[in-house]
Amino acid sequence: MLHLRSTGPLLLLSAALLAFPHAASAGCPCSDRVLASNPDPEAVVWAFRDAFVHQDLEAYAALLADDYVFRFRPDDVEPGMPDTLNRAGELDFARHLFQGGAASGAPPAEHISLRIEILGRQAEMRAGGIRWAKFALMTHLRAYLKGGGLYQVDSPVTFLVRREGAEAGTWRLVEWVELTPAATPEFAGRP
């Protein structure tokens, strides 16, 4: 689970990261490329990885649709806790992980590696002719924290991306769904 929300230390890191004050964007070599129109839906997957690895909050924000939502795995949701993050919550999480650390004293990541495997893809047409694409992914995250510490997460997820704007519009990430490690989306394995 890429969001580091779980019971025990991972839940504490997630809660602490969300509690830390705002930090300025550092920028990276991928910012300009990510801010340009994504030529196809798969480009969002690789731009996401680049922005995450380079810890580029501006590039990361440019990939998220205004109505973006992150959905936690059901087994990671404790009673009374929300089961989703909206765009603002996602950007707060990324800001703390990339740049600011946590109010609890947990440091930000010094280095992040993220390997993504595309397990399957599926195209969809929705009302109004808006084109969507869904990707089944396996993510392998390593967040090396400043001062030591490693968070290692391997998780299957689905990404739903949508073309926004005119015909030559930009593809953006609309929904990120965490799946249980044993789960494989029904469309995985399709080219």
C-alpha atoms as a PDB file:
ATOM      1  CA  MET A   1       0.000   0.000   0.000  1.00  0.00           C
ATOM      2  CA  LEU A   2       1.668   3.101  -1.255  1.00  0.00           C
ATOM      3  CA  HIS A   3      -0.052   5.437   1.135  1.00  0.00           C
ATOM      4  CA  LEU A   4       1.715   4.033   4.182  1.00  0.00           C
ATOM      5  CA  ARG A   5      -1.575   3.755   6.034  1.00  0.00           C
ATOM      6  CA  SER A   6      -1.858   0.640   8.079  1.00  0.00           C
ATOM      7  CA  THR A   7      -1.926  -0.473  11.643  1.00  0.00           C
ATOM      8  CA  GLY A   8       1.188   0.038  13.705  1.00  0.00           C
ATOM      9  CA  PRO A   9       4.119   2.160  12.536  1.00  0.00           C
ATOM     10  CA  LEU A  10       2.795   2.720   9.024  1.00  0.00           C
ATOM     11  CA  LEU A  11      -0.483   4.168  10.315  1.00  0.00           C
ATOM     12  CA  LEU A  12       1.477   6.445  12.635  1.00  0.00           C
ATOM     13  CA  LEU A  13       3.675   7.671   9.781  1.00  0.00           C
ATOM     14  CA  SER A  14       0.655   8.433   7.607  1.00  0.00           C
ATOM     15  CA  ALA A  15      -1.153  10.312  10.369  1.00  0.00           C
ATOM     16  CA  ALA A  16       2.003  12.195  11.320  1.00  0.00           C
ATOM     17  CA  LEU A  17       2.782  13.182   7.741  1.00  0.00           C
ATOM     18  CA  LEU A  18      -0.704  14.592   7.292  1.00  0.00           C
ATOM     19  CA  ALA A  19      -0.332  16.666  10.446  1.00  0.00           C
ATOM     20  CA  PHE A  20       2.848  18.539   9.435  1.00  0.00           C
ATOM     21  CA  PRO A  21       2.658  22.172   8.231  1.00  0.00           C
ATOM     22  CA  HIS A  22       2.880  23.235   4.583  1.00  0.00           C
ATOM     23  CA  ALA A  23       6.295  23.204   2.828  1.00  0.00           C
ATOM     24  CA  ALA A  24       7.390  24.835  -0.441  1.00  0.00           C
ATOM     25  CA  SER A  25       7.746  22.847  -3.675  1.00  0.00           C
ATOM     26  CA  ALA A  26      11.297  21.879  -4.575  1.00  0.00           C
ATOM     27  CA  GLY A  27      10.819  21.169  -8.283  1.00  0.00           C
ATOM     28  CA  CYS A  28      12.759  18.622 -10.340  1.00  0.00           C
ATOM     29  CA  PRO A  29      13.781  17.711 -13.868  1.00  0.00           C
ATOM     30  CA  CYS A  30      10.370  16.133 -14.523  1.00  0.00           C
ATOM     31  CA  SER A  31       8.213  19.196 -13.744  1.00  0.00           C
ATOM     32  CA  ASP A  32       8.168  20.752 -17.200  1.00  0.00           C
ATOM     33  CA  ARG A  33       7.561  17.425 -18.933  1.00  0.00           C
ATOM     34  CA  VAL A  34       4.726  16.456 -16.595  1.00  0.00           C
ATOM     35  CA  LEU A  35       3.004  19.819 -16.912  1.00  0.00           C
ATOM     36  CA  ALA A  36       2.851  19.428 -20.694  1.00  0.00           C
ATOM     37  CA  SER A  37      -0.090  17.482 -22.146  1.00  0.00           C
ATOM     38  CA  ASN A  38       0.224  13.769 -21.572  1.00  0.00           C
ATOM     39  CA  PRO A  39       0.002  12.174 -25.032  1.00  0.00           C
ATOM     40  CA  ASP A  40      -1.721   8.970 -23.928  1.00  0.00           C
ATOM     41  CA  PRO A  41      -3.178   7.451 -20.768  1.00  0.00           C
ATOM     42  CA  GLU A  42      -0.148   5.279 -19.984  1.00  0.00           C
ATOM     43  CA  ALA A  43       2.015   8.420 -19.865  1.00  0.00           C
ATOM     44  CA  VAL A  44       0.204   9.296 -16.618  1.00  0.00           C
ATOM     45  CA  VAL A  45       1.524   6.111 -14.979  1.00  0.00           C
ATOM     46  CA  TRP A  46       5.141   6.929 -15.858  1.00  0.00           C
ATOM     47  CA  ALA A  47       4.806  10.650 -15.086  1.00  0.00           C
ATOM     48  CA  PHE A  48       3.331   9.649 -11.694  1.00  0.00           C
ATOM     49  CA  ARG A  49       6.358   7.452 -11.013  1.00  0.00           C
ATOM     50  CA  ASP A  50       8.771  10.206 -12.088  1.00  0.00           C
ATOM     51  CA  ALA A  51       7.089  12.882  -9.968  1.00  0.00           C
ATOM     52  CA  PHE A  52       7.008  10.564  -6.944  1.00  0.00           C
ATOM     53  CA  VAL A  53      10.636   9.454  -7.301  1.00  0.00           C
ATOM     54  CA  HIS A  54      11.867  13.030  -7.853  1.00  0.00           C
ATOM     55  CA  GLN A  55       9.634  14.185  -4.992  1.00  0.00           C
ATOM     56  CA  ASP A  56       8.273  16.933  -7.243  1.00  0.00           C
ATOM     57  CA  LEU A  57       5.062  18.191  -5.664  1.00  0.00           C
ATOM     58  CA  GLU A  58       4.259  20.567  -8.551  1.00  0.00           C
ATOM     59  CA  ALA A  59       4.549  17.801 -11.140  1.00  0.00           C
ATOM     60  CA  TYR A  60       2.583  15.429  -8.899  1.00  0.00           C
ATOM     61  CA  ALA A  61      -0.227  17.967  -8.459  1.00  0.00           C
ATOM     62  CA  ALA A  62      -0.392  18.520 -12.234  1.00  0.00           C
ATOM     63  CA  LEU A  63      -1.246  14.831 -12.717  1.00  0.00           C
ATOM     64  CA  LEU A  64      -4.247  14.799 -10.374  1.00  0.00           C
ATOM     65  CA  ALA A  65      -7.728  15.663 -11.658  1.00  0.00           C
ATOM     66  CA  ASP A  66      -9.736  18.184  -9.649  1.00  0.00           C
ATOM     67  CA  ASP A  67     -12.097  15.379  -8.583  1.00  0.00           C
ATOM     68  CA  TYR A  68      -9.246  12.935  -7.791  1.00  0.00           C
ATOM     69  CA  VAL A  69      -9.825  10.369  -5.042  1.00  0.00           C
ATOM     70  CA  PHE A  70      -7.556   7.834  -3.340  1.00  0.00           C
ATOM     71  CA  ARG A  71      -9.308   4.761  -1.912  1.00  0.00           C
ATOM     72  CA  PHE A  72      -7.642   2.904   0.949  1.00  0.00           C
ATOM     73  CA  ARG A  73      -7.755  -0.870   1.183  1.00  0.00           C
ATOM     74  CA  PRO A  74     -10.813  -1.829   3.243  1.00  0.00           C
ATOM     75  CA  ASP A  75      -8.672  -3.706   5.785  1.00  0.00           C
ATOM     76  CA  ASP A  76      -6.639  -0.517   6.396  1.00  0.00           C
ATOM     77  CA  VAL A  77      -9.671   1.533   7.399  1.00  0.00           C
ATOM     78  CA  GLU A  78     -10.256   1.636  11.116  1.00  0.00           C
ATOM     79  CA  PRO A  79     -13.702   2.436  12.567  1.00  0.00           C
ATOM     80  CA  GLY A  80     -14.411   6.143  12.317  1.00  0.00           C
ATOM     81  CA  MET A  81     -11.576   6.777   9.864  1.00  0.00           C
ATOM     82  CA  PRO A  82     -12.248   7.989   6.306  1.00  0.00           C
ATOM     83  CA  ASP A  83     -11.752   5.412   3.562  1.00  0.00           C
ATOM     84  CA  THR A  84     -10.666   7.970   0.954  1.00  0.00           C
ATOM     85  CA  LEU A  85      -8.454  11.000   0.411  1.00  0.00           C
ATOM     86  CA  ASN A  86      -9.498  13.778  -1.934  1.00  0.00           C
ATOM     87  CA  ARG A  87      -7.031  15.790  -4.035  1.00  0.00           C
ATOM     88  CA  ALA A  88      -6.174  18.182  -1.197  1.00  0.00           C
ATOM     89  CA  GLY A  89      -5.575  15.293   1.210  1.00  0.00           C
ATOM     90  CA  GLU A  90      -3.399  13.498  -1.348  1.00  0.00           C
ATOM     91  CA  LEU A  91      -1.293  16.612  -1.907  1.00  0.00           C
ATOM     92  CA  ASP A  92      -0.897  17.105   1.857  1.00  0.00           C
ATOM     93  CA  PHE A  93       0.306  13.516   2.148  1.00  0.00           C
ATOM     94  CA  ALA A  94       2.789  13.980  -0.715  1.00  0.00           C
ATOM     95  CA  ARG A  95       4.001  17.339   0.627  1.00  0.00           C
ATOM     96  CA  HIS A  96       4.851  15.817   3.992  1.00  0.00           C
ATOM     97  CA  LEU A  97       6.480  12.707   2.564  1.00  0.00           C
ATOM     98  CA  PHE A  98       8.441  14.625  -0.094  1.00  0.00           C
ATOM     99  CA  GLN A  99       9.445  17.735   1.793  1.00  0.00           C
ATOM    100  CA  GLY A 100       8.349  18.491   5.312  1.00  0.00           C
ATOM    101  CA  GLY A 101       8.352  15.416   7.452  1.00  0.00           C
ATOM    102  CA  ALA A 102       5.841  15.103  10.243  1.00  0.00           C
ATOM    103  CA  ALA A 103       4.912  17.110  13.318  1.00  0.00           C
ATOM    104  CA  SER A 104       5.555  13.942  15.323  1.00  0.00           C
ATOM    105  CA  GLY A 105       9.204  14.124  14.303  1.00  0.00           C
ATOM    106  CA  ALA A 106       9.087  11.530  11.528  1.00  0.00           C
ATOM    107  CA  PRO A 107      11.395  12.858   8.809  1.00  0.00           C
ATOM    108  CA  PRO A 108      10.567  13.261   5.127  1.00  0.00           C
ATOM    109  CA  ALA A 109      11.956  10.863   2.584  1.00  0.00           C
ATOM    110  CA  GLU A 110      15.543  11.455   1.592  1.00  0.00           C
ATOM    111  CA  HIS A 111      15.211   9.149  -1.393  1.00  0.00           C
ATOM    112  CA  ILE A 112      12.244   7.338  -2.948  1.00  0.00           C
ATOM    113  CA  SER A 113      12.332   4.481  -5.392  1.00  0.00           C
ATOM    114  CA  LEU A 114       9.148   3.290  -7.026  1.00  0.00           C
ATOM    115  CA  ARG A 115       8.909   0.442  -9.478  1.00  0.00           C
ATOM    116  CA  ILE A 116       5.618  -0.036 -11.288  1.00  0.00           C
ATOM    117  CA  GLU A 117       4.545  -3.054 -13.309  1.00  0.00           C
ATOM    118  CA  ILE A 118       1.531  -2.760 -15.595  1.00  0.00           C
ATOM    119  CA  LEU A 119      -0.472  -5.964 -15.139  1.00  0.00           C
ATOM    120  CA  GLY A 120      -3.359  -5.000 -17.395  1.00  0.00           C
ATOM    121  CA  ARG A 121      -5.186  -2.127 -19.049  1.00  0.00           C
ATOM    122  CA  GLN A 122      -8.724  -1.465 -20.107  1.00  0.00           C
ATOM    123  CA  ALA A 123     -10.252   1.430 -22.092  1.00  0.00           C
ATOM    124  CA  GLU A 124     -13.704   2.793 -21.307  1.00  0.00           C
ATOM    125  CA  MET A 125     -16.106   5.239 -22.903  1.00  0.00           C
ATOM    126  CA  ARG A 126     -18.348   7.202 -20.591  1.00  0.00           C
ATOM    127  CA  ALA A 127     -21.310   9.549 -21.051  1.00  0.00           C
ATOM    128  CA  GLY A 128     -20.427  12.610 -23.101  1.00  0.00           C
ATOM    129  CA  GLY A 129     -17.693  10.759 -24.964  1.00  0.00           C
ATOM    130  CA  ILE A 130     -15.068  11.332 -22.270  1.00  0.00           C
ATOM    131  CA  ARG A 131     -12.379   8.730 -22.694  1.00  0.00           C
ATOM    132  CA  TRP A 132     -11.144   6.827 -19.652  1.00  0.00           C
ATOM    133  CA  ALA A 133      -8.494   4.162 -19.153  1.00  0.00           C
ATOM    134  CA  LYS A 134      -7.982   1.828 -16.216  1.00  0.00           C
ATOM    135  CA  PHE A 135      -4.657   0.242 -15.314  1.00  0.00           C
ATOM    136  CA  ALA A 136      -3.979  -2.721 -13.031  1.00  0.00           C
ATOM    137  CA  LEU A 137      -0.569  -2.087 -11.479  1.00  0.00           C
ATOM    138  CA  MET A 138       1.823  -3.665  -9.027  1.00  0.00           C
ATOM    139  CA  THR A 139       3.747  -1.026  -7.085  1.00  0.00           C
ATOM    140  CA  HIS A 140       7.027  -1.503  -5.241  1.00  0.00           C
ATOM    141  CA  LEU A 141       7.848   1.501  -3.042  1.00  0.00           C
ATOM    142  CA  ARG A 142      10.984   2.115  -1.010  1.00  0.00           C
ATOM    143  CA  ALA A 143      11.031   5.369   0.969  1.00  0.00           C
ATOM    144  CA  TYR A 144      14.387   5.964   2.649  1.00  0.00           C
ATOM    145  CA  LEU A 145      13.798   8.491   5.421  1.00  0.00           C
ATOM    146  CA  LYS A 146      16.246  11.195   6.431  1.00  0.00           C
ATOM    147  CA  GLY A 147      18.225  10.066   9.449  1.00  0.00           C
ATOM    148  CA  GLY A 148      17.594   6.403   8.696  1.00  0.00           C
ATOM    149  CA  GLY A 149      14.550   4.244   8.397  1.00  0.00           C
ATOM    150  CA  LEU A 150      12.976   2.472   5.470  1.00  0.00           C
ATOM    151  CA  TYR A 151       9.358   2.071   4.530  1.00  0.00           C
ATOM    152  CA  GLN A 152       8.888  -0.752   2.068  1.00  0.00           C
ATOM    153  CA  VAL A 153       5.496  -1.296   0.487  1.00  0.00           C
ATOM    154  CA  ASP A 154       4.505  -3.715  -2.281  1.00  0.00           C
ATOM    155  CA  SER A 155       0.884  -3.414  -3.322  1.00  0.00           C
ATOM    156  CA  PRO A 156      -1.478  -4.023  -6.237  1.00  0.00           C
ATOM    157  CA  VAL A 157      -3.477  -0.936  -7.219  1.00  0.00           C
ATOM    158  CA  THR A 158      -5.726   0.322  -9.974  1.00  0.00           C
ATOM    159  CA  PHE A 159      -5.408   3.734 -11.607  1.00  0.00           C
ATOM    160  CA  LEU A 160      -8.304   5.320 -13.466  1.00  0.00           C
ATOM    161  CA  VAL A 161      -7.218   8.122 -15.825  1.00  0.00           C
ATOM    162  CA  ARG A 162      -9.326  10.479 -17.910  1.00  0.00           C
ATOM    163  CA  ARG A 163      -8.667  12.875 -20.775  1.00  0.00           C
ATOM    164  CA  GLU A 164      -9.533  16.422 -19.704  1.00  0.00           C
ATOM    165  CA  GLY A 165     -10.082  19.358 -22.007  1.00  0.00           C
ATOM    166  CA  ALA A 166     -10.443  19.377 -25.779  1.00  0.00           C
ATOM    167  CA  GLU A 167      -9.639  16.391 -28.021  1.00  0.00           C
ATOM    168  CA  ALA A 168      -5.925  17.031 -27.508  1.00  0.00           C
ATOM    169  CA  GLY A 169      -6.438  17.490 -23.759  1.00  0.00           C
ATOM    170  CA  THR A 170      -4.313  16.208 -20.932  1.00  0.00           C
ATOM    171  CA  TRP A 171      -4.757  12.804 -19.308  1.00  0.00           C
ATOM    172  CA  ARG A 172      -5.051  13.020 -15.513  1.00  0.00           C
ATOM    173  CA  LEU A 173      -5.299  10.559 -12.643  1.00  0.00           C
ATOM    174  CA  VAL A 174      -8.893  10.483 -11.360  1.00  0.00           C
ATOM    175  CA  GLU A 175      -8.862   7.509  -8.976  1.00  0.00           C
ATOM    176  CA  TRP A 176      -6.222   5.412  -7.243  1.00  0.00           C
ATOM    177  CA  VAL A 177      -7.564   2.287  -5.537  1.00  0.00           C
ATOM    178  CA  GLU A 178      -5.433   0.216  -3.186  1.00  0.00           C
ATOM    179  CA  LEU A 179      -6.109  -3.503  -3.312  1.00  0.00           C
ATOM    180  CA  THR A 180      -5.293  -6.219  -0.816  1.00  0.00           C
ATOM    181  CA  PRO A 181      -1.986  -7.932  -1.645  1.00  0.00           C
ATOM    182  CA  ALA A 182      -3.755 -11.111  -2.729  1.00  0.00           C
ATOM    183  CA  ALA A 183      -6.176  -9.237  -5.011  1.00  0.00           C
ATOM    184  CA  THR A 184      -5.665  -9.047  -8.748  1.00  0.00           C
ATOM    185  CA  PRO A 185      -8.024  -6.875 -10.783  1.00  0.00           C
ATOM    186  CA  GLU A 186     -10.266  -8.911 -13.079  1.00  0.00           C
ATOM    187  CA  PHE A 187      -8.771  -7.283 -16.169  1.00  0.00           C
ATOM    188  CA  ALA A 188      -5.124  -7.928 -15.205  1.00  0.00           C
ATOM    189  CA  GLY A 189      -3.241  -9.813 -17.838  1.00  0.00           C
ATOM    190  CA  ARG A 190      -4.893  -8.007 -20.737  1.00  0.00           C
ATOM    191  CA  PRO A 191      -2.442  -6.233 -23.035  1.00  0.00           C
END
